[in-house]
């Protein structure tokens, strides 16, 4: 998902019932270039974690390459 800074708004307004049907999300948050505050990214990730997603930050700085997998659909364990 790379929608030029609208990722936060989309993920925060998407109804839980829709998000919970998604197996995986690859998203480019724009905190690495200061277009999106890091706190907003963390808040959005917290929401997704509460909905059952597991996240992996693939980038060294910021979250411009983040992979999310729905534990309820992909059966990922710690």
PDB file of N, CA and C in Angstrom:
ATOM      1  N   UNK A   1       0.855  -1.150   0.000  1.00  0.00           N
ATOM      2  CA  UNK A   1       0.000   0.000   0.000  1.00  0.00           C
ATOM      3  C   UNK A   1       0.909   1.222   0.000  1.00  0.00           C
ATOM      4  N   UNK A   2       0.867   1.961  -1.066  1.00  0.00           N
ATOM      5  CA  UNK A   2       1.632   3.193  -1.174  1.00  0.00           C
ATOM      6  C   UNK A   2       0.709   4.225  -1.796  1.00  0.00           C
ATOM      7  N   UNK A   3       0.011   4.960  -0.948  1.00  0.00           N
ATOM      8  CA  UNK A   3      -0.961   5.928  -1.452  1.00  0.00           C
ATOM      9  C   UNK A   3      -0.601   7.344  -1.006  1.00  0.00           C
ATOM     10  N   UNK A   4       0.708   7.596  -1.059  1.00  0.00           N
ATOM     11  CA  UNK A   4       1.277   8.931  -0.887  1.00  0.00           C
ATOM     12  C   UNK A   4       0.779   9.688   0.330  1.00  0.00           C
ATOM     13  N   UNK A   5       0.905   9.055   1.487  1.00  0.00           N
ATOM     14  CA  UNK A   5       0.587   9.720   2.733  1.00  0.00           C
ATOM     15  C   UNK A   5      -0.815   9.490   3.251  1.00  0.00           C
ATOM     16  N   UNK A   6      -1.657   8.815   2.489  1.00  0.00           N
ATOM     17  CA  UNK A   6      -3.037   8.566   2.925  1.00  0.00           C
ATOM     18  C   UNK A   6      -3.186   7.202   3.613  1.00  0.00           C
ATOM     19  N   UNK A   7      -2.083   6.505   3.826  1.00  0.00           N
ATOM     20  CA  UNK A   7      -2.141   5.179   4.436  1.00  0.00           C
ATOM     21  C   UNK A   7      -2.747   5.226   5.834  1.00  0.00           C
ATOM     22  N   UNK A   8      -2.324   6.194   6.634  1.00  0.00           N
ATOM     23  CA  UNK A   8      -2.822   6.317   8.012  1.00  0.00           C
ATOM     24  C   UNK A   8      -4.329   6.519   8.013  1.00  0.00           C
ATOM     25  N   UNK A   9      -4.803   7.448   7.208  1.00  0.00           N
ATOM     26  CA  UNK A   9      -6.244   7.732   7.164  1.00  0.00           C
ATOM     27  C   UNK A   9      -7.034   6.503   6.731  1.00  0.00           C
ATOM     28  N   UNK A  10      -6.550   5.811   5.716  1.00  0.00           N
ATOM     29  CA  UNK A  10      -7.253   4.619   5.243  1.00  0.00           C
ATOM     30  C   UNK A  10      -7.305   3.548   6.323  1.00  0.00           C
ATOM     31  N   UNK A  11      -6.167   3.260   6.952  1.00  0.00           N
ATOM     32  CA  UNK A  11      -6.119   2.195   7.956  1.00  0.00           C
ATOM     33  C   UNK A  11      -6.875   2.559   9.231  1.00  0.00           C
ATOM     34  N   UNK A  12      -6.954   3.838   9.542  1.00  0.00           N
ATOM     35  CA  UNK A  12      -7.665   4.256  10.753  1.00  0.00           C
ATOM     36  C   UNK A  12      -9.174   4.373  10.554  1.00  0.00           C
ATOM     37  N   UNK A  13      -9.619   4.530   9.338  1.00  0.00           N
ATOM     38  CA  UNK A  13     -11.059   4.673   9.092  1.00  0.00           C
ATOM     39  C   UNK A  13     -11.693   3.414   8.515  1.00  0.00           C
ATOM     40  N   UNK A  14     -10.887   2.475   8.101  1.00  0.00           N
ATOM     41  CA  UNK A  14     -11.418   1.224   7.558  1.00  0.00           C
ATOM     42  C   UNK A  14     -12.082   0.435   8.694  1.00  0.00           C
ATOM     43  N   UNK A  15     -13.311  -0.006   8.491  1.00  0.00           N
ATOM     44  CA  UNK A  15     -14.005  -0.761   9.541  1.00  0.00           C
ATOM     45  C   UNK A  15     -13.258  -2.044   9.922  1.00  0.00           C
ATOM     46  N   UNK A  16     -13.248  -2.380  11.211  1.00  0.00           N
ATOM     47  CA  UNK A  16     -12.580  -3.598  11.655  1.00  0.00           C
ATOM     48  C   UNK A  16     -13.019  -4.840  10.886  1.00  0.00           C
ATOM     49  N   UNK A  17     -14.303  -4.954  10.569  1.00  0.00           N
ATOM     50  CA  UNK A  17     -14.797  -6.145   9.859  1.00  0.00           C
ATOM     51  C   UNK A  17     -14.121  -6.318   8.507  1.00  0.00           C
ATOM     52  N   UNK A  18     -13.769  -5.229   7.869  1.00  0.00           N
ATOM     53  CA  UNK A  18     -13.072  -5.331   6.572  1.00  0.00           C
ATOM     54  C   UNK A  18     -11.610  -5.692   6.796  1.00  0.00           C
ATOM     55  N   UNK A  19     -10.943  -4.995   7.715  1.00  0.00           N
ATOM     56  CA  UNK A  19      -9.529  -5.279   7.979  1.00  0.00           C
ATOM     57  C   UNK A  19      -9.330  -6.731   8.416  1.00  0.00           C
ATOM     58  N   UNK A  20     -10.257  -7.264   9.185  1.00  0.00           N
ATOM     59  CA  UNK A  20     -10.111  -8.623   9.695  1.00  0.00           C
ATOM     60  C   UNK A  20     -10.273  -9.686   8.612  1.00  0.00           C
ATOM     61  N   UNK A  21     -10.639  -9.294   7.412  1.00  0.00           N
ATOM     62  CA  UNK A  21     -10.729 -10.223   6.283  1.00  0.00           C
ATOM     63  C   UNK A  21      -9.440 -10.247   5.457  1.00  0.00           C
ATOM     64  N   UNK A  22      -8.512  -9.347   5.765  1.00  0.00           N
ATOM     65  CA  UNK A  22      -7.270  -9.207   5.000  1.00  0.00           C
ATOM     66  C   UNK A  22      -6.179 -10.056   5.634  1.00  0.00           C
ATOM     67  N   UNK A  23      -5.510 -10.870   4.821  1.00  0.00           N
ATOM     68  CA  UNK A  23      -4.442 -11.739   5.317  1.00  0.00           C
ATOM     69  C   UNK A  23      -3.133 -10.980   5.544  1.00  0.00           C
ATOM     70  N   UNK A  24      -2.744 -10.160   4.564  1.00  0.00           N
ATOM     71  CA  UNK A  24      -1.467  -9.472   4.639  1.00  0.00           C
ATOM     72  C   UNK A  24      -1.593  -8.056   4.091  1.00  0.00           C
ATOM     73  N   UNK A  25      -0.789  -7.169   4.668  1.00  0.00           N
ATOM     74  CA  UNK A  25      -0.706  -5.810   4.171  1.00  0.00           C
ATOM     75  C   UNK A  25       0.775  -5.444   4.120  1.00  0.00           C
ATOM     76  N   UNK A  26       1.198  -4.905   3.023  1.00  0.00           N
ATOM     77  CA  UNK A  26       2.527  -4.312   2.912  1.00  0.00           C
ATOM     78  C   UNK A  26       2.288  -2.825   2.740  1.00  0.00           C
ATOM     79  N   UNK A  27       2.854  -2.027   3.650  1.00  0.00           N
ATOM     80  CA  UNK A  27       2.515  -0.608   3.653  1.00  0.00           C
ATOM     81  C   UNK A  27       3.770   0.256   3.735  1.00  0.00           C
ATOM     82  N   UNK A  28       3.708   1.391   3.076  1.00  0.00           N
ATOM     83  CA  UNK A  28       4.771   2.389   3.147  1.00  0.00           C
ATOM     84  C   UNK A  28       4.242   3.580   3.927  1.00  0.00           C
ATOM     85  N   UNK A  29       4.620   3.644   5.207  1.00  0.00           N
ATOM     86  CA  UNK A  29       4.306   4.825   5.993  1.00  0.00           C
ATOM     87  C   UNK A  29       5.362   5.878   5.685  1.00  0.00           C
ATOM     88  N   UNK A  30       5.013   7.128   5.815  1.00  0.00           N
ATOM     89  CA  UNK A  30       5.924   8.204   5.418  1.00  0.00           C
ATOM     90  C   UNK A  30       6.576   8.910   6.606  1.00  0.00           C
ATOM     91  N   UNK A  31       6.839   8.171   7.693  1.00  0.00           N
ATOM     92  CA  UNK A  31       7.527   8.778   8.832  1.00  0.00           C
ATOM     93  C   UNK A  31       9.025   8.913   8.588  1.00  0.00           C
ATOM     94  N   UNK A  32       9.559   8.179   7.637  1.00  0.00           N
ATOM     95  CA  UNK A  32      10.990   8.245   7.336  1.00  0.00           C
ATOM     96  C   UNK A  32      11.398   9.578   6.706  1.00  0.00           C
ATOM     97  N   UNK A  33      10.443  10.272   6.126  1.00  0.00           N
ATOM     98  CA  UNK A  33      10.743  11.555   5.470  1.00  0.00           C
ATOM     99  C   UNK A  33       9.953  12.697   6.117  1.00  0.00           C
ATOM    100  N   UNK A  34       9.467  12.460   7.329  1.00  0.00           N
ATOM    101  CA  UNK A  34       8.768  13.464   8.137  1.00  0.00           C
ATOM    102  C   UNK A  34       7.455  13.964   7.541  1.00  0.00           C
ATOM    103  N   UNK A  35       6.846  13.214   6.640  1.00  0.00           N
ATOM    104  CA  UNK A  35       5.524  13.586   6.127  1.00  0.00           C
ATOM    105  C   UNK A  35       4.415  13.119   7.065  1.00  0.00           C
ATOM    106  N   UNK A  36       4.700  12.072   7.818  1.00  0.00           N
ATOM    107  CA  UNK A  36       3.739  11.533   8.784  1.00  0.00           C
ATOM    108  C   UNK A  36       4.429  11.442  10.130  1.00  0.00           C
ATOM    109  N   UNK A  37       3.839  12.010  11.177  1.00  0.00           N
ATOM    110  CA  UNK A  37       4.444  11.910  12.512  1.00  0.00           C
ATOM    111  C   UNK A  37       4.559  10.451  12.972  1.00  0.00           C
ATOM    112  N   UNK A  38       5.677  10.135  13.600  1.00  0.00           N
ATOM    113  CA  UNK A  38       5.912   8.769  14.080  1.00  0.00           C
ATOM    114  C   UNK A  38       4.815   8.321  15.038  1.00  0.00           C
ATOM    115  N   UNK A  39       4.305   9.233  15.856  1.00  0.00           N
ATOM    116  CA  UNK A  39       3.236   8.887  16.796  1.00  0.00           C
ATOM    117  C   UNK A  39       1.983   8.397  16.100  1.00  0.00           C
ATOM    118  N   UNK A  40       1.668   8.970  14.949  1.00  0.00           N
ATOM    119  CA  UNK A  40       0.498   8.522  14.180  1.00  0.00           C
ATOM    120  C   UNK A  40       0.719   7.114  13.636  1.00  0.00           C
ATOM    121  N   UNK A  41       1.935   6.840  13.207  1.00  0.00           N
ATOM    122  CA  UNK A  41       2.249   5.495  12.707  1.00  0.00           C
ATOM    123  C   UNK A  41       2.107   4.489  13.843  1.00  0.00           C
ATOM    124  N   UNK A  42       2.669   4.808  14.990  1.00  0.00           N
ATOM    125  CA  UNK A  42       2.599   3.889  16.134  1.00  0.00           C
ATOM    126  C   UNK A  42       1.160   3.672  16.581  1.00  0.00           C
ATOM    127  N   UNK A  43       0.359   4.723  16.578  1.00  0.00           N
ATOM    128  CA  UNK A  43      -1.053   4.605  16.948  1.00  0.00           C
ATOM    129  C   UNK A  43      -1.806   3.699  15.973  1.00  0.00           C
ATOM    130  N   UNK A  44      -1.521   3.852  14.699  1.00  0.00           N
ATOM    131  CA  UNK A  44      -2.162   3.017  13.683  1.00  0.00           C
ATOM    132  C   UNK A  44      -1.733   1.562  13.830  1.00  0.00           C
ATOM    133  N   UNK A  45      -0.450   1.340  14.074  1.00  0.00           N
ATOM    134  CA  UNK A  45       0.032  -0.029  14.270  1.00  0.00           C
ATOM    135  C   UNK A  45      -0.587  -0.648  15.518  1.00  0.00           C
ATOM    136  N   UNK A  46      -0.777   0.135  16.565  1.00  0.00           N
ATOM    137  CA  UNK A  46      -1.433  -0.366  17.781  1.00  0.00           C
ATOM    138  C   UNK A  46      -2.849  -0.827  17.463  1.00  0.00           C
ATOM    139  N   UNK A  47      -3.561  -0.040  16.671  1.00  0.00           N
ATOM    140  CA  UNK A  47      -4.926  -0.429  16.274  1.00  0.00           C
ATOM    141  C   UNK A  47      -4.893  -1.751  15.511  1.00  0.00           C
ATOM    142  N   UNK A  48      -3.977  -1.877  14.575  1.00  0.00           N
ATOM    143  CA  UNK A  48      -3.892  -3.104  13.778  1.00  0.00           C
ATOM    144  C   UNK A  48      -3.485  -4.295  14.641  1.00  0.00           C
ATOM    145  N   UNK A  49      -2.596  -4.080  15.597  1.00  0.00           N
ATOM    146  CA  UNK A  49      -2.212  -5.166  16.512  1.00  0.00           C
ATOM    147  C   UNK A  49      -3.426  -5.640  17.310  1.00  0.00           C
ATOM    148  N   UNK A  50      -4.244  -4.703  17.764  1.00  0.00           N
ATOM    149  CA  UNK A  50      -5.451  -5.071  18.516  1.00  0.00           C
ATOM    150  C   UNK A  50      -6.440  -5.857  17.662  1.00  0.00           C
ATOM    151  N   UNK A  51      -6.400  -5.637  16.356  1.00  0.00           N
ATOM    152  CA  UNK A  51      -7.291  -6.364  15.441  1.00  0.00           C
ATOM    153  C   UNK A  51      -6.719  -7.721  15.033  1.00  0.00           C
ATOM    154  N   UNK A  52      -5.533  -8.045  15.545  1.00  0.00           N
ATOM    155  CA  UNK A  52      -4.966  -9.363  15.284  1.00  0.00           C
ATOM    156  C   UNK A  52      -3.792  -9.395  14.328  1.00  0.00           C
ATOM    157  N   UNK A  53      -3.287  -8.239  13.933  1.00  0.00           N
ATOM    158  CA  UNK A  53      -2.156  -8.208  13.007  1.00  0.00           C
ATOM    159  C   UNK A  53      -0.831  -8.253  13.763  1.00  0.00           C
ATOM    160  N   UNK A  54       0.124  -8.891  13.140  1.00  0.00           N
ATOM    161  CA  UNK A  54       1.504  -8.953  13.587  1.00  0.00           C
ATOM    162  C   UNK A  54       2.290  -8.098  12.604  1.00  0.00           C
ATOM    163  N   UNK A  55       3.172  -7.226  13.074  1.00  0.00           N
ATOM    164  CA  UNK A  55       3.892  -6.355  12.147  1.00  0.00           C
ATOM    165  C   UNK A  55       5.387  -6.594  12.202  1.00  0.00           C
ATOM    166  N   UNK A  56       6.010  -6.413  11.043  1.00  0.00           N
ATOM    167  CA  UNK A  56       7.465  -6.502  10.919  1.00  0.00           C
ATOM    168  C   UNK A  56       7.926  -5.267  10.163  1.00  0.00           C
ATOM    169  N   UNK A  57       8.773  -4.492  10.807  1.00  0.00           N
ATOM    170  CA  UNK A  57       9.358  -3.327  10.146  1.00  0.00           C
ATOM    171  C   UNK A  57      10.564  -3.805   9.360  1.00  0.00           C
ATOM    172  N   UNK A  58      10.503  -3.663   8.048  1.00  0.00           N
ATOM    173  CA  UNK A  58      11.566  -4.142   7.180  1.00  0.00           C
ATOM    174  C   UNK A  58      12.612  -3.064   6.894  1.00  0.00           C
ATOM    175  N   UNK A  59      12.308  -1.830   7.228  1.00  0.00           N
ATOM    176  CA  UNK A  59      13.216  -0.722   6.960  1.00  0.00           C
ATOM    177  C   UNK A  59      14.060  -0.401   8.189  1.00  0.00           C
ATOM    178  N   UNK A  60      15.218   0.126   7.960  1.00  0.00           N
ATOM    179  CA  UNK A  60      16.138   0.455   9.042  1.00  0.00           C
ATOM    180  C   UNK A  60      15.680   1.694   9.818  1.00  0.00           C
ATOM    181  N   UNK A  61      15.194   2.694   9.109  1.00  0.00           N
ATOM    182  CA  UNK A  61      14.726   3.939   9.715  1.00  0.00           C
ATOM    183  C   UNK A  61      13.267   4.154   9.339  1.00  0.00           C
ATOM    184  N   UNK A  62      12.454   4.464  10.328  1.00  0.00           N
ATOM    185  CA  UNK A  62      11.039   4.681  10.049  1.00  0.00           C
ATOM    186  C   UNK A  62      10.324   3.383   9.717  1.00  0.00           C
ATOM    187  N   UNK A  63       9.142   3.536   9.174  1.00  0.00           N
ATOM    188  CA  UNK A  63       8.295   2.379   8.848  1.00  0.00           C
ATOM    189  C   UNK A  63       7.903   2.387   7.369  1.00  0.00           C
ATOM    190  N   UNK A  64       8.808   2.831   6.508  1.00  0.00           N
ATOM    191  CA  UNK A  64       8.433   2.942   5.101  1.00  0.00           C
ATOM    192  C   UNK A  64       8.357   1.599   4.388  1.00  0.00           C
ATOM    193  N   UNK A  65       8.727   0.552   5.062  1.00  0.00           N
ATOM    194  CA  UNK A  65       8.574  -0.792   4.505  1.00  0.00           C
ATOM    195  C   UNK A  65       8.122  -1.704   5.649  1.00  0.00           C
ATOM    196  N   UNK A  66       6.818  -1.768   5.851  1.00  0.00           N
ATOM    197  CA  UNK A  66       6.258  -2.536   6.965  1.00  0.00           C
ATOM    198  C   UNK A  66       5.330  -3.617   6.435  1.00  0.00           C
ATOM    199  N   UNK A  67       5.501  -4.813   6.970  1.00  0.00           N
ATOM    200  CA  UNK A  67       4.676  -5.959   6.579  1.00  0.00           C
ATOM    201  C   UNK A  67       3.783  -6.313   7.767  1.00  0.00           C
ATOM    202  N   UNK A  68       2.517  -6.501   7.477  1.00  0.00           N
ATOM    203  CA  UNK A  68       1.545  -6.896   8.502  1.00  0.00           C
ATOM    204  C   UNK A  68       0.866  -8.185   8.064  1.00  0.00           C
ATOM    205  N   UNK A  69       0.735  -9.091   8.995  1.00  0.00           N
ATOM    206  CA  UNK A  69       0.071 -10.361   8.718  1.00  0.00           C
ATOM    207  C   UNK A  69      -1.009 -10.582   9.765  1.00  0.00           C
ATOM    208  N   UNK A  70      -2.161 -10.995   9.314  1.00  0.00           N
ATOM    209  CA  UNK A  70      -3.297 -11.225  10.205  1.00  0.00           C
ATOM    210  C   UNK A  70      -3.130 -12.598  10.860  1.00  0.00           C
ATOM    211  N   UNK A  71      -2.832 -12.597  12.152  1.00  0.00           N
ATOM    212  CA  UNK A  71      -2.618 -13.855  12.891  1.00  0.00           C
ATOM    213  C   UNK A  71      -3.835 -14.773  12.841  1.00  0.00           C
ATOM    214  N   UNK A  72      -5.013 -14.187  12.762  1.00  0.00           N
ATOM    215  CA  UNK A  72      -6.239 -14.985  12.758  1.00  0.00           C
ATOM    216  C   UNK A  72      -6.452 -15.716  11.438  1.00  0.00           C
ATOM    217  N   UNK A  73      -5.825 -15.245  10.385  1.00  0.00           N
ATOM    218  CA  UNK A  73      -5.995 -15.883   9.076  1.00  0.00           C
ATOM    219  C   UNK A  73      -4.745 -16.619   8.599  1.00  0.00           C
ATOM    220  N   UNK A  74      -3.590 -16.245   9.133  1.00  0.00           N
ATOM    221  CA  UNK A  74      -2.324 -16.838   8.674  1.00  0.00           C
ATOM    222  C   UNK A  74      -1.687 -17.748   9.727  1.00  0.00           C
ATOM    223  N   UNK A  75      -2.272 -17.831  10.895  1.00  0.00           N
ATOM    224  CA  UNK A  75      -1.820 -18.741  11.943  1.00  0.00           C
ATOM    225  C   UNK A  75      -0.345 -18.571  12.300  1.00  0.00           C
ATOM    226  N   UNK A  76       0.044 -17.331  12.555  1.00  0.00           N
ATOM    227  CA  UNK A  76       1.402 -17.027  12.985  1.00  0.00           C
ATOM    228  C   UNK A  76       1.438 -17.022  14.505  1.00  0.00           C
ATOM    229  N   UNK A  77       2.452 -17.664  15.072  1.00  0.00           N
ATOM    230  CA  UNK A  77       2.612 -17.687  16.517  1.00  0.00           C
ATOM    231  C   UNK A  77       3.947 -17.055  16.874  1.00  0.00           C
ATOM    232  N   UNK A  78       4.093 -16.696  18.146  1.00  0.00           N
ATOM    233  CA  UNK A  78       5.350 -16.103  18.622  1.00  0.00           C
ATOM    234  C   UNK A  78       6.383 -17.164  18.816  1.00  0.00           C
TER     235      UNK A  78
END
